[in-house]
Amino acid sequence: MSAAEACGNEGLCLASLSEQTSPISSDFVPSTGTSTRNPVDVSLSAHLDLTIFRRSAETVAQDPGVDAVAIIGAV
């Protein structure tokens, strides 16, 4: 089960990211095997470049519709 599904099962709603957030994320999140819509998926590429994790979290956290950010991954 994905984290997004687990949130839904607990009655939590994922934020709809603003039109300004996704293009910013696309500037540094690789296009292959990823998603810049919520839930954001930076794929395995972020394990090779940890700034992708950091910049993605910072960008999403600045979106006015986002109340919290959860990062799931291991290095």
C-alpha atoms as a PDB file:
ATOM      1  CA  MET A   1       0.000   0.000   0.000  1.00  0.00           C
ATOM      2  CA  SER A   2       1.294   3.455  -0.839  1.00  0.00           C
ATOM      3  CA  ALA A   3       1.535   6.260   1.696  1.00  0.00           C
ATOM      4  CA  ALA A   4      -1.126   8.183  -0.241  1.00  0.00           C
ATOM      5  CA  GLU A   5      -3.519   5.229   0.016  1.00  0.00           C
ATOM      6  CA  ALA A   6      -2.796   4.887   3.729  1.00  0.00           C
ATOM      7  CA  CYS A   7      -3.623   8.576   4.232  1.00  0.00           C
ATOM      8  CA  GLY A   8      -6.902   8.155   2.371  1.00  0.00           C
ATOM      9  CA  ASN A   9      -7.786   5.102   4.447  1.00  0.00           C
ATOM     10  CA  GLU A  10      -7.360   7.241   7.570  1.00  0.00           C
ATOM     11  CA  GLY A  11      -9.605  10.007   6.220  1.00  0.00           C
ATOM     12  CA  LEU A  12      -6.786  12.394   5.332  1.00  0.00           C
ATOM     13  CA  CYS A  13      -6.877  14.341   2.071  1.00  0.00           C
ATOM     14  CA  LEU A  14      -3.872  15.110  -0.096  1.00  0.00           C
ATOM     15  CA  ALA A  15      -3.514  18.760  -0.979  1.00  0.00           C
ATOM     16  CA  SER A  16      -4.046  19.868  -4.555  1.00  0.00           C
ATOM     17  CA  LEU A  17      -0.836  21.627  -5.474  1.00  0.00           C
ATOM     18  CA  SER A  18      -1.160  25.076  -7.005  1.00  0.00           C
ATOM     19  CA  GLU A  19      -0.408  25.670 -10.672  1.00  0.00           C
ATOM     20  CA  GLN A  20       2.794  27.442  -9.629  1.00  0.00           C
ATOM     21  CA  THR A  21       4.233  24.535  -7.615  1.00  0.00           C
ATOM     22  CA  SER A  22       4.391  21.736 -10.205  1.00  0.00           C
ATOM     23  CA  PRO A  23       6.375  23.676 -12.826  1.00  0.00           C
ATOM     24  CA  ILE A  24       8.919  24.658 -10.172  1.00  0.00           C
ATOM     25  CA  SER A  25       9.286  21.017  -9.139  1.00  0.00           C
ATOM     26  CA  SER A  26       9.729  20.018 -12.778  1.00  0.00           C
ATOM     27  CA  ASP A  27      12.854  22.189 -12.897  1.00  0.00           C
ATOM     28  CA  PHE A  28      14.793  19.764 -10.669  1.00  0.00           C
ATOM     29  CA  VAL A  29      12.794  16.504 -10.503  1.00  0.00           C
ATOM     30  CA  PRO A  30      13.752  14.146 -13.363  1.00  0.00           C
ATOM     31  CA  SER A  31      10.857  13.411 -15.724  1.00  0.00           C
ATOM     32  CA  THR A  32      11.347   9.629 -15.889  1.00  0.00           C
ATOM     33  CA  GLY A  33       9.451   7.583 -13.302  1.00  0.00           C
ATOM     34  CA  THR A  34       8.429  10.586 -11.222  1.00  0.00           C
ATOM     35  CA  SER A  35       5.413  12.764 -10.481  1.00  0.00           C
ATOM     36  CA  THR A  36       5.328  16.462  -9.619  1.00  0.00           C
ATOM     37  CA  ARG A  37       1.631  16.270  -8.737  1.00  0.00           C
ATOM     38  CA  ASN A  38       0.495  15.176  -5.310  1.00  0.00           C
ATOM     39  CA  PRO A  39       1.617  12.676  -4.192  1.00  0.00           C
ATOM     40  CA  VAL A  40       5.004  13.893  -5.391  1.00  0.00           C
ATOM     41  CA  ASP A  41       7.281  11.017  -6.379  1.00  0.00           C
ATOM     42  CA  VAL A  42      10.940  11.838  -6.940  1.00  0.00           C
ATOM     43  CA  SER A  43      11.818   8.206  -7.687  1.00  0.00           C
ATOM     44  CA  LEU A  44      15.175   6.560  -7.139  1.00  0.00           C
ATOM     45  CA  SER A  45      16.959   9.509  -8.746  1.00  0.00           C
ATOM     46  CA  ALA A  46      16.748  11.373  -5.444  1.00  0.00           C
ATOM     47  CA  HIS A  47      18.888   8.728  -3.763  1.00  0.00           C
ATOM     48  CA  LEU A  48      21.705   9.739  -6.095  1.00  0.00           C
ATOM     49  CA  ASP A  49      21.114  13.457  -5.552  1.00  0.00           C
ATOM     50  CA  LEU A  50      19.732  14.240  -2.090  1.00  0.00           C
ATOM     51  CA  THR A  51      19.098  17.862  -3.053  1.00  0.00           C
ATOM     52  CA  ILE A  52      16.094  16.559  -5.027  1.00  0.00           C
ATOM     53  CA  PHE A  53      14.506  15.388  -1.734  1.00  0.00           C
ATOM     54  CA  ARG A  54      15.299  18.697  -0.025  1.00  0.00           C
ATOM     55  CA  ARG A  55      14.150  20.974  -2.851  1.00  0.00           C
ATOM     56  CA  SER A  56      10.983  18.944  -3.412  1.00  0.00           C
ATOM     57  CA  ALA A  57      10.028  19.119   0.265  1.00  0.00           C
ATOM     58  CA  GLU A  58      10.779  22.842   0.460  1.00  0.00           C
ATOM     59  CA  THR A  59       8.798  23.578  -2.704  1.00  0.00           C
ATOM     60  CA  VAL A  60       5.758  21.564  -1.652  1.00  0.00           C
ATOM     61  CA  ALA A  61       5.853  23.016   1.879  1.00  0.00           C
ATOM     62  CA  GLN A  62       5.650  26.542   0.430  1.00  0.00           C
ATOM     63  CA  ASP A  63       2.445  25.741  -1.474  1.00  0.00           C
ATOM     64  CA  PRO A  64      -0.436  27.621   0.192  1.00  0.00           C
ATOM     65  CA  GLY A  65      -2.686  24.536   0.086  1.00  0.00           C
ATOM     66  CA  VAL A  66      -0.230  22.289   1.962  1.00  0.00           C
ATOM     67  CA  ASP A  67      -0.449  21.875   5.741  1.00  0.00           C
ATOM     68  CA  ALA A  68       2.178  19.143   6.184  1.00  0.00           C
ATOM     69  CA  VAL A  69       4.835  17.282   4.211  1.00  0.00           C
ATOM     70  CA  ALA A  70       5.782  13.629   4.729  1.00  0.00           C
ATOM     71  CA  ILE A  71       8.979  12.276   3.227  1.00  0.00           C
ATOM     72  CA  ILE A  72       9.284   8.541   2.809  1.00  0.00           C
ATOM     73  CA  GLY A  73      12.603   7.125   1.670  1.00  0.00           C
ATOM     74  CA  ALA A  74      15.825   5.677   2.880  1.00  0.00           C
ATOM     75  CA  VAL A  75      19.415   6.501   2.133  1.00  0.00           C
END
